[in-house]
Amino acid sequence: MDENKIIKEIKAQKNLPNLKLKIKRDTEAFTNKLFCTLFDEDTEVESNIKELGTDFEKLADLVCWKPDAPCRELWGKYLEHLPAILKKLNCDANAIAENDPAANSVEEVYLSYPGFFAIAIYRLSHELYKFGLPLVPRLMTEYAHRLTGTDINPGATIGTPFFIDHATGVVIGETALIKDNVKLYQGVTLGALYVDRNLRSVKRHPTIEKNVTIYANATILGGETIIGENSVIGGNVWLTASVPANSMVSHKPQINIKKNNNE
């Protein structure tokens, strides 16, 4: 074995100077500190806001590779939006606590509901996405994805309140539009009909109107697909076409039960 040759070949293929795992680690630390600052009673707000500003500037320097990119300046604009984001999240949490019979308190929602955590990190990342900050918003939601099993692209647009029950396996694509008072169960996919780089600037994911409930493992695909308000989409439904308001959509599998003659 020629170790020097192997090392040389590895170095030759490390040709992305901006690919630094420090970006991922620092984004995750920033995300945790931001969440604690907004929700943890024992976390001092004023000092943490100052620390977050410093952390953000360091992250901006790491991800803004283009010369003269004004990424550092985004922190002040983002900070102005934090009270409104927090208001939305408190609305999400209170709606969950008031409507989910399994919730014993709103504190339980904040501390133990993976769906709430995923929604919180989505909302915190979405504003940075709108500002055009590179990479960081996606790393924030991927961090939540890893912890909760819920994959919400930071580009999605989601109304208030929003509830993901159980959360595991939910996928919400970049151009999805979800309006107010929507509830999803585990395994729901709001996705694109197919993957093609030429569709980058096209709406690829569905629109979910107000007061819609989508049950477990339903799949809804396509940018032109609209689920009308007040509709209920049953479990395991596959949709690639729009549904009018006030609809009930269900999937009827054929179930065969064979009696065991040995009983």
Protein backbone atom coordinates (compact mmCIF):
# COMPACT_ATOMS: atom_id res chain seq x y z
CA MET A 1 0.00 0.00 0.00
CA ASP A 2 1.36 3.40 -1.04
CA GLU A 3 -0.07 5.67 1.67
CA ASN A 4 1.45 8.83 0.20
CA LYS A 5 -0.20 8.11 -3.15
CA ILE A 6 -3.58 7.61 -1.48
CA ILE A 7 -3.23 10.86 0.46
CA LYS A 8 -2.28 12.69 -2.72
CA GLU A 9 -5.31 11.32 -4.57
CA ILE A 10 -7.66 12.30 -1.72
CA LYS A 11 -6.24 15.82 -1.60
CA ALA A 12 -6.58 16.14 -5.37
CA GLN A 13 -10.31 15.45 -5.11
CA LYS A 14 -10.92 17.86 -2.23
CA ASN A 15 -11.55 20.70 -4.65
CA LEU A 16 -14.36 22.60 -2.88
CA PRO A 17 -12.64 25.22 -0.70
CA ASN A 18 -15.94 26.42 0.80
CA LEU A 19 -17.09 22.96 1.89
CA LYS A 20 -16.47 23.17 5.63
CA LEU A 21 -18.26 20.99 8.18
CA LYS A 22 -17.79 23.83 10.66
CA ILE A 23 -20.70 25.54 8.87
CA LYS A 24 -23.00 22.66 9.80
CA ARG A 25 -21.81 22.47 13.41
CA ASP A 26 -22.05 26.22 13.93
CA THR A 27 -25.52 26.38 12.36
CA GLU A 28 -26.79 23.67 14.70
CA ALA A 29 -25.36 25.51 17.73
CA PHE A 30 -26.92 28.77 16.49
CA THR A 31 -30.29 27.02 16.04
CA ASN A 32 -30.25 25.57 19.56
CA LYS A 33 -29.31 28.90 21.10
CA LEU A 34 -32.04 30.67 19.14
CA PHE A 35 -34.68 28.15 20.26
CA CYS A 36 -33.62 28.44 23.91
CA THR A 37 -33.59 32.23 23.75
CA LEU A 38 -37.19 32.30 22.56
CA PHE A 39 -38.66 29.60 24.79
CA ASP A 40 -36.50 28.62 27.78
CA GLU A 41 -37.49 30.52 30.94
CA ASP A 42 -33.96 30.15 32.38
CA THR A 43 -32.22 31.59 29.31
CA GLU A 44 -31.45 35.30 29.61
CA VAL A 45 -32.73 37.06 26.50
CA GLU A 46 -30.61 40.22 26.26
CA SER A 47 -27.18 38.59 26.55
CA ASN A 48 -28.18 35.73 24.26
CA ILE A 49 -29.44 38.09 21.57
CA LYS A 50 -26.03 39.76 21.56
CA GLU A 51 -24.30 36.37 21.37
CA LEU A 52 -26.60 35.30 18.56
CA GLY A 53 -25.69 38.43 16.63
CA THR A 54 -22.01 37.57 16.93
CA ASP A 55 -22.65 33.93 15.99
CA PHE A 56 -24.69 35.02 12.99
CA GLU A 57 -21.91 37.28 11.71
CA LYS A 58 -19.44 34.40 11.90
CA LEU A 59 -21.86 32.15 10.02
CA ALA A 60 -22.43 34.84 7.41
CA ASP A 61 -18.69 35.06 6.81
CA LEU A 62 -18.56 31.29 6.27
CA VAL A 63 -21.48 31.00 3.84
CA CYS A 64 -21.37 34.25 1.88
CA TRP A 65 -18.66 33.31 -0.58
CA LYS A 66 -19.33 36.02 -3.15
CA PRO A 67 -17.23 39.17 -2.72
CA ASP A 68 -18.97 42.10 -0.98
CA ALA A 69 -22.05 39.99 -0.10
CA PRO A 70 -23.92 41.94 2.63
CA CYS A 71 -24.90 38.86 4.65
CA ARG A 72 -23.78 40.28 7.99
CA GLU A 73 -26.29 43.10 7.60
CA LEU A 74 -29.19 40.62 7.61
CA TRP A 75 -29.05 40.07 11.36
CA GLY A 76 -30.63 43.43 12.22
CA LYS A 77 -33.47 42.83 9.75
CA TYR A 78 -33.98 39.30 11.00
CA LEU A 79 -34.03 40.42 14.63
CA GLU A 80 -36.93 42.75 13.87
CA HIS A 81 -38.97 39.74 12.70
CA LEU A 82 -38.32 37.53 15.74
CA PRO A 83 -41.25 38.82 17.87
CA ALA A 84 -43.68 38.13 15.01
CA ILE A 85 -42.20 34.65 14.44
CA LEU A 86 -42.50 33.92 18.17
CA LYS A 87 -46.13 35.07 18.12
CA LYS A 88 -46.88 32.58 15.32
CA LEU A 89 -45.13 29.76 17.18
CA ASN A 90 -47.02 30.49 20.38
CA CYS A 91 -50.22 30.34 18.33
CA ASP A 92 -49.13 26.96 16.91
CA ALA A 93 -48.34 25.59 20.37
CA ASN A 94 -51.56 26.84 21.97
CA ALA A 95 -53.66 25.41 19.15
CA ILE A 96 -51.99 22.02 19.62
CA ALA A 97 -52.54 22.10 23.39
CA GLU A 98 -56.19 23.11 23.00
CA ASN A 99 -57.07 20.54 20.33
CA ASP A 100 -54.91 17.46 20.93
CA PRO A 101 -56.44 15.23 23.63
CA ALA A 102 -53.02 13.72 24.28
CA ALA A 103 -51.55 17.10 25.31
CA ASN A 104 -51.55 17.63 29.08
CA SER A 105 -50.19 21.18 28.96
CA VAL A 106 -48.78 23.73 26.55
CA GLU A 107 -45.40 23.21 28.22
CA GLU A 108 -45.55 19.58 27.12
CA VAL A 109 -46.03 20.74 23.53
CA TYR A 110 -42.94 22.96 23.64
CA LEU A 111 -40.77 20.35 25.31
CA SER A 112 -41.82 17.04 23.80
CA TYR A 113 -43.70 17.43 20.52
CA PRO A 114 -41.38 16.73 17.57
CA GLY A 115 -43.90 18.31 15.20
CA PHE A 116 -43.76 21.58 17.11
CA PHE A 117 -39.96 21.58 17.14
CA ALA A 118 -39.89 20.99 13.37
CA ILE A 119 -42.40 23.80 12.81
CA ALA A 120 -40.43 26.13 15.09
CA ILE A 121 -37.15 25.60 13.24
CA TYR A 122 -38.97 25.92 9.91
CA ARG A 123 -40.45 29.30 10.91
CA LEU A 124 -37.10 30.54 12.23
CA SER A 125 -35.32 29.46 9.04
CA HIS A 126 -38.01 30.64 6.63
CA GLU A 127 -37.32 34.32 7.29
CA LEU A 128 -33.60 33.83 6.61
CA TYR A 129 -34.53 31.97 3.42
CA LYS A 130 -36.64 34.94 2.30
CA PHE A 131 -33.70 37.26 2.96
CA GLY A 132 -31.58 35.12 0.65
CA LEU A 133 -29.04 33.92 3.22
CA PRO A 134 -27.21 30.98 1.61
CA LEU A 135 -27.13 27.48 3.07
CA VAL A 136 -27.93 28.30 6.71
CA PRO A 137 -31.75 28.03 6.45
CA ARG A 138 -31.48 24.60 4.80
CA LEU A 139 -29.01 23.40 7.42
CA MET A 140 -31.38 24.59 10.16
CA THR A 141 -34.32 22.58 8.81
CA GLU A 142 -32.10 19.57 8.10
CA TYR A 143 -31.03 19.68 11.75
CA ALA A 144 -34.71 19.53 12.76
CA HIS A 145 -35.24 16.79 10.16
CA ARG A 146 -32.53 14.67 11.75
CA LEU A 147 -33.98 15.11 15.24
CA THR A 148 -37.68 14.72 14.40
CA GLY A 149 -37.99 12.82 11.12
CA THR A 150 -39.89 15.79 9.69
CA ASP A 151 -38.51 17.34 6.48
CA ILE A 152 -39.81 20.88 5.89
CA ASN A 153 -37.97 22.87 3.26
CA PRO A 154 -37.37 26.44 4.51
CA GLY A 155 -38.83 27.80 1.29
CA ALA A 156 -42.33 26.45 1.98
CA THR A 157 -45.02 28.96 2.95
CA ILE A 158 -47.08 27.87 5.97
CA GLY A 159 -49.95 29.65 7.71
CA THR A 160 -50.93 29.78 11.38
CA PRO A 161 -51.79 27.72 13.32
CA PHE A 162 -50.17 24.60 11.91
CA PHE A 163 -50.05 21.16 13.53
CA ILE A 164 -48.14 18.02 12.57
CA ASP A 165 -49.36 15.15 14.72
CA HIS A 166 -46.70 12.52 15.54
CA ALA A 167 -44.58 14.14 12.81
CA THR A 168 -42.40 11.21 11.71
CA GLY A 169 -41.97 10.87 7.95
CA VAL A 170 -43.61 14.16 6.91
CA VAL A 171 -42.13 15.80 3.79
CA ILE A 172 -43.05 19.35 2.72
CA GLY A 173 -41.39 20.66 -0.44
CA GLU A 174 -39.87 24.05 -1.16
CA THR A 175 -42.76 25.60 -3.09
CA ALA A 176 -45.61 24.12 -1.04
CA LEU A 177 -48.22 26.62 0.14
CA ILE A 178 -50.13 25.70 3.31
CA LYS A 179 -52.75 28.14 4.56
CA ASP A 180 -54.13 28.65 8.08
CA ASN A 181 -55.37 25.96 10.44
CA VAL A 182 -54.05 22.89 8.61
CA LYS A 183 -53.34 19.60 10.35
CA LEU A 184 -51.07 16.84 8.99
CA TYR A 185 -50.52 13.37 10.37
CA GLN A 186 -47.38 11.23 10.14
CA GLY A 187 -46.05 10.14 6.78
CA VAL A 188 -47.72 12.86 4.71
CA THR A 189 -45.85 13.99 1.58
CA LEU A 190 -46.48 17.31 -0.14
CA GLY A 191 -44.14 16.81 -3.06
CA ALA A 192 -43.36 17.37 -6.73
CA LEU A 193 -44.52 15.17 -9.59
CA TYR A 194 -40.92 14.60 -10.65
CA VAL A 195 -37.41 15.98 -10.16
CA ASP A 196 -35.94 18.15 -12.90
CA ARG A 197 -33.40 20.95 -12.46
CA ASN A 198 -35.23 23.00 -15.10
CA LEU A 199 -38.16 23.33 -12.66
CA ARG A 200 -36.06 25.27 -10.17
CA SER A 201 -38.08 28.50 -10.42
CA VAL A 202 -41.45 26.79 -10.98
CA LYS A 203 -44.09 25.99 -8.33
CA ARG A 204 -43.65 22.22 -7.98
CA HIS A 205 -45.52 21.43 -4.78
CA PRO A 206 -49.22 21.56 -3.86
CA THR A 207 -51.36 24.25 -2.27
CA ILE A 208 -53.35 23.32 0.84
CA GLU A 209 -56.19 25.72 1.60
CA LYS A 210 -57.52 26.65 5.07
CA ASN A 211 -58.92 24.16 7.59
CA VAL A 212 -57.69 21.02 5.80
CA THR A 213 -56.83 17.78 7.59
CA ILE A 214 -54.56 15.25 5.86
CA TYR A 215 -54.32 11.82 7.46
CA ALA A 216 -51.36 9.44 7.73
CA ASN A 217 -49.30 8.46 4.68
CA ALA A 218 -51.30 10.52 2.19
CA THR A 219 -49.27 11.70 -0.81
CA ILE A 220 -50.19 14.91 -2.64
CA LEU A 221 -48.05 15.90 -5.62
CA GLY A 222 -47.73 18.72 -8.13
CA GLY A 223 -47.57 22.49 -8.19
CA GLU A 224 -51.01 22.82 -9.79
CA THR A 225 -52.67 20.54 -7.23
CA ILE A 226 -54.93 22.45 -4.84
CA ILE A 227 -56.73 20.93 -1.87
CA GLY A 228 -59.82 23.06 -1.26
CA GLU A 229 -60.58 24.49 2.16
CA ASN A 230 -62.38 22.45 4.82
CA SER A 231 -61.45 19.20 3.07
CA VAL A 232 -60.38 15.94 4.70
CA ILE A 233 -57.85 13.73 2.92
CA GLY A 234 -57.88 10.17 4.24
CA GLY A 235 -54.93 7.94 5.01
CA ASN A 236 -52.90 6.42 2.14
CA VAL A 237 -54.59 8.61 -0.49
CA TRP A 238 -52.50 9.41 -3.60
CA LEU A 239 -53.45 12.71 -5.29
CA THR A 240 -52.05 14.45 -8.36
CA ALA A 241 -55.18 16.48 -9.14
CA SER A 242 -57.04 19.23 -7.33
CA VAL A 243 -59.86 18.63 -4.86
CA PRO A 244 -62.73 21.12 -4.43
CA ALA A 245 -63.56 22.75 -1.10
CA ASN A 246 -65.47 20.74 1.52
CA SER A 247 -64.40 17.39 0.05
CA MET A 248 -63.85 14.06 1.76
CA VAL A 249 -61.27 11.94 -0.07
CA SER A 250 -60.64 8.35 1.00
CA HIS A 251 -58.71 5.29 -0.10
CA LYS A 252 -60.48 1.92 0.08
CA PRO A 253 -58.01 -0.97 0.14
CA GLN A 254 -59.17 -4.52 -0.40
CA ILE A 255 -58.60 -6.44 2.80
CA ASN A 256 -58.85 -10.23 2.80
CA ILE A 257 -59.21 -12.05 6.11
CA LYS A 258 -58.64 -15.78 6.11
CA LYS A 259 -59.83 -17.84 9.03
CA ASN A 260 -57.21 -20.07 10.61
CA ASN A 261 -58.65 -23.59 10.52
CA ASN A 262 -56.29 -24.72 13.27
CA GLU A 263 -58.16 -22.71 15.88
